[in-house]
Amino acid sequence: MIITLSNNKISASINTIGAELIRLEKDNQNYIWTVNETYWNKTSPILFPIVGRLKNDAYTIADKKYELPRHGFARNFEFQILNQTENSVVFVLESNSETLKNYPFEFQLQLEYELDGNELKMKYSVENRSEVTMPFSIGAHPAFAIEDSFSNYSLQFNEAEEFVSYELENEQFSNSFRKINSENGQIDLDYSLFEKDALVFKHLKSDKLTLLKGNQPYLSVEFEGFPYLGIWTKPNAPFLCIEPWCGLADNINHNGNIYEKEGIQLLENKSNFQRKIIINLL
């Protein structure tokens, strides 16, 4: 089912499967890319309870092995609607017999979408309903439409940075990294940046970036509280993913213990974790 929100500035459409944003419009322009399966079959999946790929697609707890696909399972489940207004909706996914098979924790995951002027606020909430500490990761993966030449776009960060991207090898982190050329916090986009996979930044000073089209601001993404950021596209694909993460793919040398995984979040029993992303159409 598709849920549509609107105010007097913008509108958003979200699929109840995965609580996935599929359209974000202002002045009859859709800022989210339209799926073309030649490149990718998603628009904005939620990443939970892991981000990225596990080594051998598996992890261990007390020497017991569990398997999870890349980016976890939440994106494939039908979410329920907790409440809805004209300009907001709260989706919820709770642990069930299927999730417990390979993620042995009781949880409630909420994703709220709220329109506020030209902004879309995406609020993530994870509640640990287990009796033990729950390891998890969560992340966003919105794909923004690129309408003309990819090299006409650039990313402007709100703090001066030395951009070091941590390299992926077969979707896991190697121990290599590379410096990304920038000027005054701005990275000019080119498909060659993504020949090996995503750009992955750790612990940036910035908590906001603006996608520039030519020299003009196109949209911005605020990601306070997310320690990792992925930037991704595919060769010649007409989209750019801006991905704030609380979590990372496995390192190629990881021992499999999910509690020792880099970037893992550890949530005490009966506790709640919250983060928010703000997309502003400029």
Foldseek 3Di string as FASTA:
>chain_A
DWDKADDPAWIWIAALQQSATQFIDGPRDTFWDHDDVVFPGGAKHKQPQAAWAAQVQWFDDPNDIAGAGHSGDSNGHRWDWPDDDRFKTKTKDWDDPVNCRRAVFTKMWIWMWGDDRQKTKIKIKIFTQGQFKHKGKIKMWGKTFADDDLQQKKKAFPQDDFFKFFADDPGATERDIDTADDDNRMHGDDQVVAPRHKGKGFQDPTQKMFMDRNNHTFKMKGWPPQGMWIWGGHVPDRIIITMRMQHGYAHNPDPRHSVPGPSIDIGGHRDMDMTMMMMGGD
